[in-house]
Amino acid sequence: QVQLVESGGGLVQAGGSLRLPCAASGRAFSSYAMGWFRQAPGKEREFVAAINWSGGTTTYADSVKGRFTISRDYAKNTVYLQMNSLKPEDTAVYYCAADDDNRGIVVVADWYDYWGQGTQVTVSS
């Protein structure tokens, strides 16, 4: 069983930055593909960013490309989402997810096996 705990959310002005850590339990963290998703009120959960098990491949939604960066720290069993140049439309609950099925890089929410509880990010205009 894998437990994921997100943190780092909060209220920030447009143009500001936040970094969201997601701490993972379990010794197999280095083999997981990891991803970030978000869900705004009244909207479906959407893909934000993903990273493969080695950290060598990343992919982003077009809406965040060039502003957000996903990375992982194997010593800390943590994946990060660095968010810069935040916009009001980035306001959402952000979730991290882990896939342990060796699929490489995963952008489909249904393919992830484990989810965190989410952290709220609010960007004011």
Protein backbone atom coordinates (compact mmCIF):
# COMPACT_ATOMS: atom_id res chain seq x y z
CA GLN A 1 0.00 0.00 0.00
CA VAL A 2 1.26 3.47 -0.90
CA GLN A 3 0.27 6.61 0.92
CA LEU A 4 0.65 10.02 -0.70
CA VAL A 5 0.49 13.27 1.25
CA GLU A 6 0.39 16.61 -0.55
CA SER A 7 1.19 19.94 1.08
CA GLY A 8 2.23 23.45 0.11
CA GLY A 9 -1.11 24.76 -1.09
CA GLY A 10 -2.43 28.17 -0.16
CA LEU A 11 -3.52 31.58 -1.34
CA VAL A 12 -1.25 33.46 -3.74
CA GLN A 13 -1.62 36.49 -5.97
CA ALA A 14 -1.60 36.18 -9.73
CA GLY A 15 1.96 36.05 -11.00
CA GLY A 16 3.21 34.40 -7.83
CA SER A 17 4.70 30.98 -7.22
CA LEU A 18 4.05 27.91 -5.08
CA ARG A 19 5.78 24.59 -4.71
CA LEU A 20 3.71 21.54 -3.90
CA PRO A 21 5.51 18.55 -2.35
CA CYS A 22 3.94 15.10 -2.36
CA ALA A 23 5.53 12.70 0.08
CA ALA A 24 5.18 9.00 -0.68
CA SER A 25 5.46 6.05 1.68
CA GLY A 26 6.88 2.74 0.60
CA ARG A 27 10.28 1.52 -0.55
CA ALA A 28 9.23 1.18 -4.19
CA PHE A 29 8.89 4.94 -4.81
CA SER A 30 11.74 4.84 -7.31
CA SER A 31 9.73 2.49 -9.54
CA TYR A 32 6.53 4.55 -9.63
CA ALA A 33 5.39 6.85 -12.35
CA MET A 34 4.04 9.98 -10.67
CA GLY A 35 1.58 12.61 -11.73
CA TRP A 36 -0.25 15.75 -10.69
CA PHE A 37 -3.90 16.46 -11.45
CA ARG A 38 -6.23 19.26 -10.43
CA GLN A 39 -9.93 19.77 -10.02
CA ALA A 40 -11.64 23.14 -9.98
CA PRO A 41 -15.16 23.63 -8.58
CA GLY A 42 -17.77 22.31 -10.99
CA LYS A 43 -15.16 20.85 -13.33
CA GLU A 44 -13.74 17.41 -13.95
CA ARG A 45 -10.32 16.38 -12.71
CA GLU A 46 -7.69 17.27 -15.30
CA PHE A 47 -4.13 16.23 -15.97
CA VAL A 48 -1.40 18.72 -15.06
CA ALA A 49 2.00 17.01 -15.21
CA ALA A 50 3.65 13.60 -15.06
CA ILE A 51 7.11 12.13 -14.58
CA ASN A 52 8.37 8.64 -15.26
CA TRP A 53 10.10 6.36 -12.77
CA SER A 54 13.62 7.55 -13.64
CA GLY A 55 12.77 11.24 -13.73
CA GLY A 56 14.14 11.38 -17.23
CA THR A 57 10.84 12.01 -18.96
CA THR A 58 8.23 14.60 -18.10
CA THR A 59 5.10 15.84 -19.80
CA TYR A 60 2.72 18.72 -19.16
CA ALA A 61 -0.74 19.92 -20.03
CA ASP A 62 -0.64 22.72 -22.58
CA SER A 63 -2.25 25.08 -20.06
CA VAL A 64 0.74 24.85 -17.69
CA LYS A 65 3.63 24.21 -20.08
CA GLY A 66 6.47 26.65 -19.48
CA ARG A 67 5.09 27.68 -16.07
CA PHE A 68 5.01 24.43 -14.06
CA THR A 69 7.80 21.94 -13.44
CA ILE A 70 7.49 18.43 -12.04
CA SER A 71 10.49 16.79 -10.38
CA ARG A 72 11.27 14.03 -7.91
CA ASP A 73 13.70 13.48 -5.05
CA TYR A 74 14.43 9.79 -4.46
CA ALA A 75 16.21 10.37 -1.15
CA LYS A 76 13.09 12.05 0.22
CA ASN A 77 10.50 9.88 -1.59
CA THR A 78 8.92 13.11 -2.74
CA VAL A 79 7.62 14.49 -6.00
CA TYR A 80 7.30 18.23 -6.46
CA LEU A 81 5.21 20.55 -8.59
CA GLN A 82 6.82 23.96 -8.94
CA MET A 83 4.22 26.45 -10.12
CA ASN A 84 5.31 29.85 -11.42
CA SER A 85 3.44 32.73 -13.04
CA LEU A 86 0.24 31.53 -11.46
CA LYS A 87 -3.08 32.60 -12.93
CA PRO A 88 -6.57 32.74 -11.38
CA GLU A 89 -7.55 29.84 -13.65
CA ASP A 90 -4.98 27.67 -11.87
CA THR A 91 -7.22 27.75 -8.79
CA ALA A 92 -8.12 24.15 -7.91
CA VAL A 93 -7.49 21.28 -5.56
CA TYR A 94 -4.24 19.65 -6.64
CA TYR A 95 -3.74 15.90 -6.30
CA CYS A 96 -0.67 13.76 -6.73
CA ALA A 97 -0.92 10.18 -7.92
CA ALA A 98 1.30 7.12 -8.24
CA ASP A 99 1.26 4.28 -10.77
CA ASP A 100 3.08 1.06 -9.94
CA ASP A 101 2.31 -0.84 -13.13
CA ASN A 102 5.52 0.05 -15.02
CA ARG A 103 3.66 1.95 -17.75
CA GLY A 104 6.29 4.58 -18.24
CA ILE A 105 4.74 8.03 -18.18
CA VAL A 106 1.03 8.19 -17.39
CA VAL A 107 -1.39 10.98 -18.26
CA VAL A 108 -4.68 9.13 -17.76
CA ALA A 109 -6.17 9.50 -14.30
CA ASP A 110 -7.82 6.06 -14.35
CA TRP A 111 -4.44 4.37 -14.79
CA TYR A 112 -3.08 5.64 -11.49
CA ASP A 113 -3.28 3.29 -8.55
CA TYR A 114 -2.84 5.63 -5.58
CA TRP A 115 -3.98 9.18 -4.83
CA GLY A 116 -3.31 11.77 -2.20
CA GLN A 117 -5.99 13.72 -0.37
CA GLY A 118 -5.37 16.94 -2.29
CA THR A 119 -4.20 20.43 -1.42
CA GLN A 120 -6.06 23.65 -2.24
CA VAL A 121 -4.40 26.28 -4.40
CA THR A 122 -6.17 29.62 -4.75
CA VAL A 123 -4.84 32.33 -7.05
CA SER A 124 -6.31 35.79 -6.60
CA SER A 125 -6.46 38.36 -9.38
